[in-house]
Amino acid sequence: MSRVNVEIELPDTLATQAKKAGLLEPEALERMVREALLAKRVEGLVEAREVLAANPLPPMTSEEIQAEIEAYRAEVRRAARP
């Protein structure tokens, strides 16, 4: 586990309330960081979905799909070689 020292400035009233609520404890801070990271990932997925909806990819033919599958399998075989 990594140790990160963080210093934040909060208004006195907010700092007092956060401390009383236990929000400045390591476990609470870890939970908040995890929730914020999840929210960022979801936001990124939503943005990607919007981009794809605005610029849809053309459908692939059966031959194109098969070519992609074969290329992937060849890549996996190459990576598995010592």
N, C-alpha and C. Protein backbone atom coordinates (compact mmCIF):
# COMPACT_ATOMS: atom_id res chain seq x y z
N MET A 1 0.85 -1.17 0.00
CA MET A 1 0.00 0.00 0.00
C MET A 1 0.89 1.23 0.00
N SER A 2 0.52 2.23 -0.75
CA SER A 2 1.30 3.46 -0.84
C SER A 2 0.82 4.47 0.19
N ARG A 3 1.76 5.26 0.66
CA ARG A 3 1.42 6.34 1.59
C ARG A 3 1.55 7.64 0.82
N VAL A 4 0.47 8.43 0.84
CA VAL A 4 0.46 9.72 0.16
C VAL A 4 0.09 10.77 1.19
N ASN A 5 0.94 11.74 1.31
CA ASN A 5 0.65 12.85 2.23
C ASN A 5 -0.03 13.95 1.44
N VAL A 6 -1.21 14.33 1.91
CA VAL A 6 -2.00 15.34 1.22
C VAL A 6 -2.35 16.44 2.21
N GLU A 7 -2.21 17.65 1.75
CA GLU A 7 -2.61 18.79 2.59
C GLU A 7 -3.69 19.54 1.84
N ILE A 8 -4.81 19.76 2.51
CA ILE A 8 -5.90 20.50 1.87
C ILE A 8 -6.28 21.69 2.73
N GLU A 9 -6.75 22.72 2.08
CA GLU A 9 -7.23 23.89 2.80
C GLU A 9 -8.74 23.91 2.69
N LEU A 10 -9.39 24.00 3.84
CA LEU A 10 -10.84 24.07 3.90
C LEU A 10 -11.23 25.22 4.81
N PRO A 11 -12.37 25.83 4.55
CA PRO A 11 -12.86 26.82 5.51
C PRO A 11 -13.00 26.16 6.89
N ASP A 12 -12.77 26.92 7.93
CA ASP A 12 -12.79 26.36 9.30
C ASP A 12 -14.05 25.58 9.59
N THR A 13 -15.20 26.15 9.25
CA THR A 13 -16.47 25.48 9.54
C THR A 13 -16.57 24.15 8.81
N LEU A 14 -16.19 24.15 7.54
CA LEU A 14 -16.25 22.92 6.76
C LEU A 14 -15.29 21.88 7.32
N ALA A 15 -14.09 22.30 7.68
CA ALA A 15 -13.11 21.37 8.24
C ALA A 15 -13.62 20.76 9.54
N THR A 16 -14.22 21.57 10.37
CA THR A 16 -14.77 21.08 11.64
C THR A 16 -15.88 20.07 11.39
N GLN A 17 -16.78 20.40 10.48
CA GLN A 17 -17.90 19.49 10.16
C GLN A 17 -17.38 18.18 9.57
N ALA A 18 -16.41 18.28 8.67
CA ALA A 18 -15.86 17.08 8.04
C ALA A 18 -15.18 16.20 9.08
N LYS A 19 -14.45 16.81 9.99
CA LYS A 19 -13.77 16.05 11.04
C LYS A 19 -14.79 15.37 11.94
N LYS A 20 -15.82 16.09 12.36
CA LYS A 20 -16.85 15.51 13.23
C LYS A 20 -17.58 14.37 12.53
N ALA A 21 -17.75 14.48 11.22
CA ALA A 21 -18.45 13.44 10.46
C ALA A 21 -17.54 12.27 10.12
N GLY A 22 -16.26 12.37 10.46
CA GLY A 22 -15.33 11.29 10.20
C GLY A 22 -14.85 11.24 8.76
N LEU A 23 -15.07 12.30 8.01
CA LEU A 23 -14.71 12.31 6.59
C LEU A 23 -13.23 12.52 6.33
N LEU A 24 -12.48 12.88 7.37
CA LEU A 24 -11.05 13.08 7.19
C LEU A 24 -10.23 11.87 7.64
N GLU A 25 -10.92 10.80 8.01
CA GLU A 25 -10.25 9.56 8.39
C GLU A 25 -9.78 8.84 7.13
N PRO A 26 -8.69 8.09 7.21
CA PRO A 26 -8.16 7.41 6.03
C PRO A 26 -9.19 6.55 5.28
N GLU A 27 -10.00 5.81 6.01
CA GLU A 27 -10.99 4.95 5.36
C GLU A 27 -12.01 5.77 4.57
N ALA A 28 -12.45 6.87 5.15
CA ALA A 28 -13.43 7.72 4.48
C ALA A 28 -12.81 8.38 3.25
N LEU A 29 -11.58 8.84 3.38
CA LEU A 29 -10.90 9.45 2.25
C LEU A 29 -10.69 8.44 1.13
N GLU A 30 -10.31 7.21 1.49
CA GLU A 30 -10.12 6.17 0.48
C GLU A 30 -11.43 5.91 -0.25
N ARG A 31 -12.53 5.81 0.49
CA ARG A 31 -13.85 5.58 -0.12
C ARG A 31 -14.21 6.73 -1.09
N MET A 32 -13.95 7.96 -0.66
CA MET A 32 -14.29 9.10 -1.51
C MET A 32 -13.45 9.12 -2.79
N VAL A 33 -12.17 8.77 -2.66
CA VAL A 33 -11.30 8.74 -3.84
C VAL A 33 -11.77 7.64 -4.79
N ARG A 34 -12.10 6.47 -4.25
CA ARG A 34 -12.59 5.37 -5.09
C ARG A 34 -13.87 5.78 -5.82
N GLU A 35 -14.80 6.43 -5.10
CA GLU A 35 -16.05 6.87 -5.71
C GLU A 35 -15.80 7.91 -6.80
N ALA A 36 -14.87 8.81 -6.56
CA ALA A 36 -14.54 9.84 -7.55
C ALA A 36 -13.91 9.21 -8.80
N LEU A 37 -13.05 8.21 -8.60
CA LEU A 37 -12.43 7.53 -9.74
C LEU A 37 -13.48 6.78 -10.56
N LEU A 38 -14.41 6.13 -9.88
CA LEU A 38 -15.49 5.44 -10.58
C LEU A 38 -16.33 6.43 -11.37
N ALA A 39 -16.65 7.56 -10.77
CA ALA A 39 -17.44 8.59 -11.46
C ALA A 39 -16.70 9.09 -12.70
N LYS A 40 -15.38 9.24 -12.60
CA LYS A 40 -14.59 9.68 -13.76
C LYS A 40 -14.63 8.64 -14.88
N ARG A 41 -14.53 7.36 -14.51
CA ARG A 41 -14.58 6.30 -15.52
C ARG A 41 -15.94 6.28 -16.20
N VAL A 42 -17.00 6.41 -15.43
CA VAL A 42 -18.35 6.44 -15.99
C VAL A 42 -18.49 7.64 -16.92
N GLU A 43 -17.99 8.78 -16.49
CA GLU A 43 -18.04 9.99 -17.31
C GLU A 43 -17.32 9.76 -18.65
N GLY A 44 -16.17 9.11 -18.59
CA GLY A 44 -15.43 8.80 -19.82
C GLY A 44 -16.20 7.88 -20.73
N LEU A 45 -16.89 6.89 -20.16
CA LEU A 45 -17.70 5.98 -20.97
C LEU A 45 -18.88 6.70 -21.61
N VAL A 46 -19.49 7.59 -20.86
CA VAL A 46 -20.62 8.36 -21.40
C VAL A 46 -20.15 9.22 -22.57
N GLU A 47 -19.00 9.88 -22.40
CA GLU A 47 -18.45 10.70 -23.48
C GLU A 47 -18.13 9.85 -24.71
N ALA A 48 -17.53 8.68 -24.50
CA ALA A 48 -17.21 7.80 -25.62
C ALA A 48 -18.48 7.35 -26.33
N ARG A 49 -19.50 7.05 -25.56
CA ARG A 49 -20.79 6.64 -26.14
C ARG A 49 -21.38 7.76 -26.99
N GLU A 50 -21.29 8.98 -26.50
CA GLU A 50 -21.82 10.12 -27.24
C GLU A 50 -21.06 10.31 -28.56
N VAL A 51 -19.74 10.16 -28.50
CA VAL A 51 -18.93 10.30 -29.71
C VAL A 51 -19.30 9.22 -30.72
N LEU A 52 -19.44 7.99 -30.23
CA LEU A 52 -19.81 6.90 -31.14
C LEU A 52 -21.21 7.08 -31.70
N ALA A 53 -22.13 7.60 -30.89
CA ALA A 53 -23.49 7.83 -31.37
C ALA A 53 -23.50 8.92 -32.45
N ALA A 54 -22.65 9.92 -32.29
CA ALA A 54 -22.59 11.02 -33.27
C ALA A 54 -21.84 10.60 -34.53
N ASN A 55 -20.91 9.66 -34.39
CA ASN A 55 -20.10 9.21 -35.52
C ASN A 55 -20.09 7.68 -35.56
N PRO A 56 -21.22 7.06 -35.90
CA PRO A 56 -21.26 5.60 -35.85
C PRO A 56 -20.29 4.96 -36.84
N LEU A 57 -19.76 3.83 -36.42
CA LEU A 57 -18.87 3.09 -37.30
C LEU A 57 -19.71 2.35 -38.35
N PRO A 58 -19.19 2.26 -39.57
CA PRO A 58 -19.95 1.53 -40.58
C PRO A 58 -19.99 0.05 -40.22
N PRO A 59 -21.07 -0.64 -40.56
CA PRO A 59 -21.13 -2.06 -40.24
C PRO A 59 -20.04 -2.84 -40.97
N MET A 60 -19.58 -3.91 -40.33
CA MET A 60 -18.54 -4.74 -40.93
C MET A 60 -19.19 -5.92 -41.65
N THR A 61 -18.55 -6.33 -42.73
CA THR A 61 -19.01 -7.51 -43.45
C THR A 61 -18.54 -8.76 -42.71
N SER A 62 -19.10 -9.90 -43.05
CA SER A 62 -18.67 -11.16 -42.44
C SER A 62 -17.19 -11.41 -42.71
N GLU A 63 -16.74 -11.05 -43.89
CA GLU A 63 -15.33 -11.24 -44.24
C GLU A 63 -14.43 -10.36 -43.40
N GLU A 64 -14.84 -9.12 -43.17
CA GLU A 64 -14.04 -8.21 -42.34
C GLU A 64 -13.97 -8.71 -40.90
N ILE A 65 -15.09 -9.22 -40.40
CA ILE A 65 -15.11 -9.75 -39.04
C ILE A 65 -14.18 -10.95 -38.94
N GLN A 66 -14.26 -11.85 -39.92
CA GLN A 66 -13.39 -13.03 -39.91
C GLN A 66 -11.92 -12.63 -39.99
N ALA A 67 -11.60 -11.63 -40.78
CA ALA A 67 -10.22 -11.16 -40.89
C ALA A 67 -9.73 -10.60 -39.56
N GLU A 68 -10.58 -9.88 -38.85
CA GLU A 68 -10.21 -9.35 -37.53
C GLU A 68 -9.96 -10.48 -36.54
N ILE A 69 -10.82 -11.50 -36.58
CA ILE A 69 -10.66 -12.65 -35.68
C ILE A 69 -9.33 -13.35 -35.96
N GLU A 70 -9.05 -13.57 -37.22
CA GLU A 70 -7.79 -14.25 -37.59
C GLU A 70 -6.58 -13.42 -37.20
N ALA A 71 -6.65 -12.11 -37.39
CA ALA A 71 -5.53 -11.24 -37.00
C ALA A 71 -5.31 -11.28 -35.49
N TYR A 72 -6.39 -11.28 -34.74
CA TYR A 72 -6.29 -11.35 -33.27
C TYR A 72 -5.65 -12.67 -32.85
N ARG A 73 -6.13 -13.77 -33.42
CA ARG A 73 -5.59 -15.09 -33.06
C ARG A 73 -4.10 -15.18 -33.40
N ALA A 74 -3.71 -14.62 -34.54
CA ALA A 74 -2.30 -14.64 -34.92
C ALA A 74 -1.47 -13.82 -33.92
N GLU A 75 -2.00 -12.71 -33.50
CA GLU A 75 -1.30 -11.87 -32.53
C GLU A 75 -1.14 -12.60 -31.19
N VAL A 76 -2.20 -13.29 -30.77
CA VAL A 76 -2.14 -14.05 -29.52
C VAL A 76 -1.09 -15.16 -29.62
N ARG A 77 -1.05 -15.85 -30.76
CA ARG A 77 -0.07 -16.92 -30.95
C ARG A 77 1.36 -16.36 -30.90
N ARG A 78 1.58 -15.19 -31.56
CA ARG A 78 2.92 -14.58 -31.55
C ARG A 78 3.33 -14.20 -30.13
N ALA A 79 2.38 -13.65 -29.36
CA ALA A 79 2.68 -13.22 -28.00
C ALA A 79 2.96 -14.41 -27.08
N ALA A 80 2.40 -15.57 -27.40
CA ALA A 80 2.56 -16.74 -26.54
C ALA A 80 3.89 -17.44 -26.77
N ARG A 81 4.56 -17.13 -27.85
CA ARG A 81 5.86 -17.77 -28.14
C ARG A 81 6.93 -17.25 -27.18
N PRO A 82 7.80 -18.15 -26.71
CA PRO A 82 8.86 -17.72 -25.78
C PRO A 82 9.93 -16.89 -26.44
